[in-house]
Amino acid sequence: MIVADDQWDLPHLHTHLQAAAELEAWTIPYYLAAASSIVDRSCDAIQLIQSVVHQEMLHLQLVANVANAYGFSPVLAPTVFDYRGSVIPHLDFALDPDNPTATFSPYSAAIGPLDQTRINTMCLIEYPEWDTGGRAPYQQDVQDYGSIGEFYDALDHGLDQLASHLVGGVNQVDLFAAFYRGAPTMTVRSSGREGLAQVKLLIDIIRDQGEAATDAGPVAGPFQNTADDSFPEDSHYEKFSRIRGGPLPATYPVKDPSDHTAADTARVNILVDDFARLTGALTAMFAGHAPADFETLMVSIGADLLNCWRTGVTPRFT
């Protein structure tokens, strides 16, 4: 349906919220696989990437909480996790006036070890929109955003415009409060304009930690991880830039796929099966259910990734 340039409707907002969940979820396996490829498990690069992965999981939770407040539960289907070519879901970097691909090249959406290609891609995904906070143009197509910052600028405007549809307390998930003692809330409990203030806070957490962070200063105190982050004041882009600016750590050597054994194939299939169960558990959680094996699956996937890399096999999630 064609709508006015400035007027959002609820279906279009739901489309953007689904896209936000897909984008946040897509980054998690990509970043986690790169971190798992590093041989020295105590190096700073692992700590930096893992801290970002944990925040991407937080961001996925926050997006789902906002979506449910607007009457929509995100679904993480296997098709979301496509790691081919150079396509990052719902972003077209060439639309960014800075066109950062000229700086961060080569880059690829393919799962791989932490190398120059992967760290370039990670920086591209988190590349700041330096004038973030303005109102991005309304887009019929969620692919028509040049950066995560512009995407969240547009989404923020839609959320504000449709605040009358906001109902608090619906399918809210809170897994990370213990890691963010300074954050006033991680959920949307109120409705209408009062609930909108809570929605805005959740979006601000996402933006300040990474998705649209600017060069204006460190991550705000209330949004900093107070439990297990060695660089809590750094945005995602700054963390990845730290890695990119120094020698990359050694990673496990990778075999040619033609040399894979039956055991290698079995290891990859275990990861694929565990990841499918995890995405199903997340979808169920966002719809108000309480899957019992969520934490077990997260631990299993970490072990699955190491089993692949240590035997020279590039992981696959679907």
Protein backbone atom coordinates (compact mmCIF):
# COMPACT_ATOMS: atom_id res chain seq x y z
CA MET A 1 0.00 0.00 0.00
CA ILE A 2 1.32 3.42 -0.92
CA VAL A 3 1.19 5.85 1.99
CA ALA A 4 2.10 9.47 2.50
CA ASP A 5 5.80 10.21 2.64
CA ASP A 6 5.61 11.04 6.33
CA GLN A 7 2.77 8.80 7.54
CA TRP A 8 3.52 5.37 9.00
CA ASP A 9 0.89 2.68 9.43
CA LEU A 10 1.02 -0.30 11.79
CA PRO A 11 1.82 -2.97 9.15
CA HIS A 12 4.79 -0.95 7.93
CA LEU A 13 6.01 -0.48 11.49
CA HIS A 14 5.74 -4.25 12.02
CA THR A 15 7.76 -4.80 8.84
CA HIS A 16 10.52 -2.56 10.21
CA LEU A 17 10.45 -4.24 13.62
CA GLN A 18 10.76 -7.66 11.98
CA ALA A 19 13.65 -6.32 9.91
CA ALA A 20 15.33 -4.94 13.05
CA ALA A 21 15.06 -8.34 14.73
CA GLU A 22 16.46 -10.05 11.64
CA LEU A 23 19.39 -7.65 11.40
CA GLU A 24 20.27 -7.96 15.10
CA ALA A 25 19.93 -11.75 14.96
CA TRP A 26 21.99 -12.06 11.74
CA THR A 27 25.03 -10.46 13.34
CA ILE A 28 25.20 -12.93 16.23
CA PRO A 29 26.35 -16.07 14.34
CA TYR A 30 28.58 -13.97 12.08
CA TYR A 31 30.44 -12.36 14.98
CA LEU A 32 30.42 -15.49 17.14
CA ALA A 33 31.90 -17.65 14.39
CA ALA A 34 34.74 -15.17 13.84
CA ALA A 35 35.52 -15.07 17.57
CA SER A 36 35.45 -18.86 17.82
CA SER A 37 38.07 -19.19 15.08
CA ILE A 38 40.76 -17.55 17.26
CA VAL A 39 43.33 -19.96 18.69
CA ASP A 40 44.27 -17.94 21.80
CA ARG A 41 41.08 -17.95 23.84
CA SER A 42 42.42 -15.31 26.22
CA CYS A 43 43.25 -12.59 23.67
CA ASP A 44 41.61 -9.16 23.68
CA ALA A 45 39.98 -9.73 20.28
CA ILE A 46 37.87 -12.57 21.67
CA GLN A 47 36.83 -10.50 24.67
CA LEU A 48 35.90 -7.55 22.45
CA ILE A 49 33.87 -9.61 19.97
CA GLN A 50 32.13 -11.62 22.67
CA SER A 51 31.10 -8.42 24.44
CA VAL A 52 29.52 -7.23 21.19
CA VAL A 53 27.80 -10.60 20.67
CA HIS A 54 26.28 -10.37 24.15
CA GLN A 55 25.02 -6.87 23.38
CA GLU A 56 23.58 -7.99 20.04
CA MET A 57 21.65 -10.63 21.99
CA LEU A 58 20.48 -7.85 24.31
CA HIS A 59 19.48 -5.72 21.31
CA LEU A 60 17.49 -8.61 19.84
CA GLN A 61 15.65 -8.93 23.15
CA LEU A 62 14.98 -5.17 23.28
CA VAL A 63 13.67 -5.10 19.70
CA ALA A 64 11.37 -8.02 20.50
CA ASN A 65 10.09 -6.22 23.62
CA VAL A 66 9.35 -3.08 21.59
CA ALA A 67 7.71 -5.12 18.83
CA ASN A 68 5.44 -6.94 21.28
CA ALA A 69 4.40 -3.61 22.77
CA TYR A 70 3.14 -2.70 19.30
CA GLY A 71 1.27 -5.97 18.81
CA PHE A 72 3.86 -7.97 16.88
CA SER A 73 6.12 -10.91 17.82
CA PRO A 74 9.24 -11.28 15.61
CA VAL A 75 9.90 -14.64 13.96
CA LEU A 76 13.45 -15.89 13.28
CA ALA A 77 13.08 -18.20 10.29
CA PRO A 78 16.13 -20.06 8.87
CA THR A 79 16.02 -17.86 5.74
CA VAL A 80 17.12 -14.89 7.91
CA PHE A 81 20.55 -16.44 8.34
CA ASP A 82 21.84 -16.29 4.77
CA TYR A 83 25.62 -15.86 4.71
CA ARG A 84 26.46 -15.57 1.03
CA GLY A 85 27.88 -12.86 -1.18
CA SER A 86 28.08 -9.36 0.24
CA VAL A 87 24.45 -8.80 1.28
CA ILE A 88 23.83 -7.72 4.88
CA PRO A 89 20.09 -7.94 5.67
CA HIS A 90 18.17 -4.69 5.20
CA LEU A 91 21.20 -2.49 4.55
CA ASP A 92 22.70 -1.07 1.36
CA PHE A 93 25.99 0.59 2.28
CA ALA A 94 26.18 2.30 -1.11
CA LEU A 95 23.26 4.52 -0.02
CA ASP A 96 25.35 5.95 2.83
CA PRO A 97 26.72 9.37 1.77
CA ASP A 98 30.11 8.30 3.15
CA ASN A 99 29.99 4.97 1.22
CA PRO A 100 32.27 3.27 3.78
CA THR A 101 32.81 0.25 1.52
CA ALA A 102 35.66 2.21 -0.03
CA THR A 103 37.46 2.09 3.32
CA PHE A 104 36.36 -1.32 4.56
CA SER A 105 37.23 -3.49 1.61
CA PRO A 106 37.29 -6.40 0.97
CA TYR A 107 34.19 -7.44 2.86
CA SER A 108 31.90 -10.46 2.70
CA ALA A 109 28.74 -11.80 4.32
CA ALA A 110 30.20 -15.32 4.25
CA ILE A 111 30.98 -17.00 7.57
CA GLY A 112 34.72 -17.23 8.04
CA PRO A 113 37.64 -16.90 10.46
CA LEU A 114 38.62 -13.53 11.90
CA ASP A 115 40.60 -12.13 8.99
CA GLN A 116 40.77 -8.77 7.22
CA THR A 117 37.60 -9.50 5.25
CA ARG A 118 35.57 -10.39 8.33
CA ILE A 119 36.77 -7.48 10.49
CA ASN A 120 36.08 -5.07 7.61
CA THR A 121 32.53 -6.41 7.39
CA MET A 122 32.04 -6.09 11.13
CA CYS A 123 33.15 -2.45 10.99
CA LEU A 124 30.83 -1.83 8.03
CA ILE A 125 27.83 -3.25 9.85
CA GLU A 126 28.48 -1.07 12.89
CA TYR A 127 29.65 1.98 10.93
CA PRO A 128 28.30 5.09 12.66
CA GLU A 129 25.93 7.53 11.09
CA TRP A 130 27.66 10.67 12.26
CA ASP A 131 24.53 12.84 12.11
CA THR A 132 22.29 10.25 13.74
CA GLY A 133 19.20 11.50 15.54
CA GLY A 134 17.58 13.17 12.57
CA ARG A 135 14.48 11.85 10.87
CA ALA A 136 15.39 9.44 8.10
CA PRO A 137 13.19 9.41 4.99
CA TYR A 138 10.21 7.06 5.09
CA GLN A 139 11.08 3.99 3.02
CA GLN A 140 8.63 1.53 1.53
CA ASP A 141 11.46 -1.01 1.26
CA VAL A 142 13.47 -1.86 4.38
CA GLN A 143 16.49 -2.40 2.13
CA ASP A 144 16.63 1.32 1.37
CA TYR A 145 18.83 2.33 4.31
CA GLY A 146 22.53 3.04 4.01
CA SER A 147 23.39 2.39 7.66
CA ILE A 148 21.98 0.94 10.85
CA GLY A 149 21.86 4.50 12.15
CA GLU A 150 19.56 5.67 9.38
CA PHE A 151 17.41 2.54 9.81
CA TYR A 152 16.91 3.25 13.52
CA ASP A 153 16.26 6.94 12.84
CA ALA A 154 13.35 5.91 10.61
CA LEU A 155 12.09 3.26 13.03
CA ASP A 156 12.20 5.73 15.92
CA HIS A 157 9.97 8.13 13.99
CA GLY A 158 7.46 5.36 13.25
CA LEU A 159 7.36 4.26 16.88
CA ASP A 160 6.64 7.82 17.98
CA GLN A 161 3.93 8.34 15.39
CA LEU A 162 2.05 5.17 16.36
CA ALA A 163 2.34 5.47 20.15
CA SER A 164 -1.45 5.23 20.50
CA HIS A 165 -1.13 1.52 19.55
CA LEU A 166 1.39 0.81 22.31
CA VAL A 167 0.33 -1.67 25.02
CA GLY A 168 2.79 -2.45 27.81
CA GLY A 169 3.43 -5.75 29.56
CA VAL A 170 2.98 -7.99 26.52
CA ASN A 171 5.48 -10.88 26.13
CA GLN A 172 8.32 -8.92 27.72
CA VAL A 173 11.68 -10.71 28.13
CA ASP A 174 14.38 -9.65 30.59
CA LEU A 175 17.52 -11.82 30.47
CA PHE A 176 20.22 -9.18 30.92
CA ALA A 177 19.20 -6.87 33.77
CA ALA A 178 21.94 -8.28 36.02
CA PHE A 179 24.56 -7.08 33.50
CA TYR A 180 23.20 -3.52 33.37
CA ARG A 181 22.63 -2.34 36.92
CA GLY A 182 22.43 1.30 35.81
CA ALA A 183 19.67 0.84 33.22
CA PRO A 184 16.25 1.95 34.51
CA THR A 185 14.41 -0.80 32.60
CA MET A 186 14.83 -3.42 29.88
CA THR A 187 11.11 -3.89 29.25
CA VAL A 188 7.99 -1.96 28.21
CA ARG A 189 5.50 -2.10 31.07
CA SER A 190 3.30 0.94 30.41
CA SER A 191 1.00 1.89 27.54
CA GLY A 192 0.47 4.98 25.38
CA ARG A 193 2.77 7.98 25.84
CA GLU A 194 4.10 6.67 29.18
CA GLY A 195 5.04 3.42 27.48
CA LEU A 196 6.65 5.39 24.66
CA ALA A 197 9.22 6.79 27.12
CA GLN A 198 10.17 3.19 27.95
CA VAL A 199 10.32 2.27 24.25
CA LYS A 200 12.58 5.26 23.59
CA LEU A 201 14.88 4.14 26.40
CA LEU A 202 15.24 0.67 24.89
CA ILE A 203 15.97 2.14 21.46
CA ASP A 204 18.50 4.52 23.04
CA ILE A 205 20.31 1.54 24.60
CA ILE A 206 20.56 -0.12 21.19
CA ARG A 207 21.71 3.05 19.45
CA ASP A 208 24.19 4.15 22.09
CA GLN A 209 25.94 0.79 22.37
CA GLY A 210 26.34 0.26 18.67
CA GLU A 211 23.51 0.64 16.20
CA ALA A 212 23.94 4.32 15.30
CA ALA A 213 26.55 5.27 17.87
CA THR A 214 28.24 8.54 17.01
CA ASP A 215 31.68 9.94 17.72
CA ALA A 216 30.19 12.23 20.37
CA GLY A 217 31.63 10.30 23.29
CA PRO A 218 31.59 7.01 25.19
CA VAL A 219 28.56 4.80 25.76
CA ALA A 220 26.38 6.49 28.37
CA GLY A 221 26.93 5.26 31.93
CA PRO A 222 23.46 3.70 32.40
CA PHE A 223 23.92 1.72 29.16
CA GLN A 224 27.33 0.30 30.04
CA ASN A 225 27.77 -3.36 30.93
CA THR A 226 28.49 -3.40 34.67
CA ALA A 227 29.37 -7.11 34.90
CA ASP A 228 31.81 -8.56 32.39
CA ASP A 229 32.92 -6.04 29.73
CA SER A 230 36.54 -4.86 29.77
CA PHE A 231 35.68 -1.89 27.52
CA PRO A 232 32.13 -0.95 28.58
CA GLU A 233 32.48 2.63 27.37
CA ASP A 234 33.29 1.61 23.78
CA SER A 235 30.64 1.28 21.06
CA HIS A 236 30.63 -1.75 18.78
CA TYR A 237 32.36 0.18 16.02
CA GLU A 238 35.09 1.32 18.42
CA LYS A 239 35.62 -2.23 19.67
CA PHE A 240 35.94 -3.60 16.16
CA SER A 241 38.22 -0.71 15.19
CA ARG A 242 40.52 -1.69 18.08
CA ILE A 243 40.84 -5.15 16.57
CA ARG A 244 41.27 -3.85 13.03
CA GLY A 245 43.97 -1.41 14.13
CA GLY A 246 46.30 -4.07 15.49
CA PRO A 247 47.72 -7.38 14.33
CA LEU A 248 44.91 -9.90 13.94
CA PRO A 249 45.24 -12.95 16.20
CA ALA A 250 46.08 -16.37 14.80
CA THR A 251 43.09 -18.45 13.73
CA TYR A 252 42.65 -22.16 13.08
CA PRO A 253 43.66 -23.26 9.56
CA VAL A 254 40.75 -24.14 7.32
CA LYS A 255 40.52 -27.19 5.05
CA ASP A 256 39.21 -27.10 1.51
CA PRO A 257 35.61 -28.38 1.49
CA SER A 258 36.69 -31.14 -0.92
CA ASP A 259 38.81 -32.56 1.92
CA HIS A 260 35.96 -32.80 4.41
CA THR A 261 35.38 -36.21 5.95
CA ALA A 262 32.12 -37.79 7.03
CA ALA A 263 32.99 -36.76 10.59
CA ASP A 264 33.42 -33.14 9.44
CA THR A 265 29.98 -33.20 7.83
CA ALA A 266 28.50 -34.66 11.00
CA ARG A 267 30.05 -31.86 13.10
CA VAL A 268 28.54 -29.19 10.85
CA ASN A 269 25.14 -30.90 10.90
CA ILE A 270 25.16 -30.91 14.70
CA LEU A 271 25.72 -27.15 14.65
CA VAL A 272 22.96 -26.65 12.07
CA ASP A 273 20.51 -28.69 14.16
CA ASP A 274 21.40 -26.93 17.42
CA PHE A 275 21.11 -23.52 15.77
CA ALA A 276 17.69 -24.36 14.32
CA ARG A 277 16.54 -25.33 17.80
CA LEU A 278 17.94 -22.07 19.19
CA THR A 279 16.12 -19.87 16.67
CA GLY A 280 12.94 -21.81 17.37
CA ALA A 281 13.43 -21.24 21.10
CA LEU A 282 13.97 -17.51 20.56
CA THR A 283 10.85 -17.22 18.40
CA ALA A 284 8.86 -19.06 21.07
CA MET A 285 10.28 -16.80 23.79
CA PHE A 286 9.30 -13.66 21.88
CA ALA A 287 5.76 -15.05 21.57
CA GLY A 288 5.43 -15.37 25.33
CA HIS A 289 6.59 -18.95 25.92
CA ALA A 290 9.46 -20.10 28.14
CA PRO A 291 11.66 -22.67 26.35
CA ALA A 292 13.51 -24.72 28.94
CA ASP A 293 16.66 -25.43 26.92
CA PHE A 294 17.63 -21.90 25.79
CA GLU A 295 20.78 -21.54 27.91
CA THR A 296 21.86 -25.13 27.20
CA LEU A 297 21.58 -24.49 23.48
CA MET A 298 23.77 -21.37 23.72
CA VAL A 299 26.51 -23.40 25.44
CA SER A 300 26.13 -26.22 22.90
CA ILE A 301 26.52 -23.86 19.94
CA GLY A 302 29.73 -22.45 21.39
CA ALA A 303 31.12 -25.99 21.69
CA ASP A 304 29.87 -26.86 18.20
CA LEU A 305 31.73 -23.89 16.71
CA LEU A 306 35.00 -24.83 18.38
CA ASN A 307 34.61 -28.44 17.24
CA CYS A 308 34.32 -27.22 13.65
CA TRP A 309 37.22 -24.75 13.70
CA ARG A 310 39.60 -27.07 15.55
CA THR A 311 39.17 -29.69 12.85
CA GLY A 312 39.62 -27.17 10.01
CA VAL A 313 35.94 -26.88 9.07
CA THR A 314 34.23 -23.55 8.44
CA PRO A 315 30.97 -23.54 10.42
CA ARG A 316 27.58 -23.36 8.75
CA PHE A 317 24.33 -22.38 10.47
CA THR A 318 21.72 -23.38 7.90
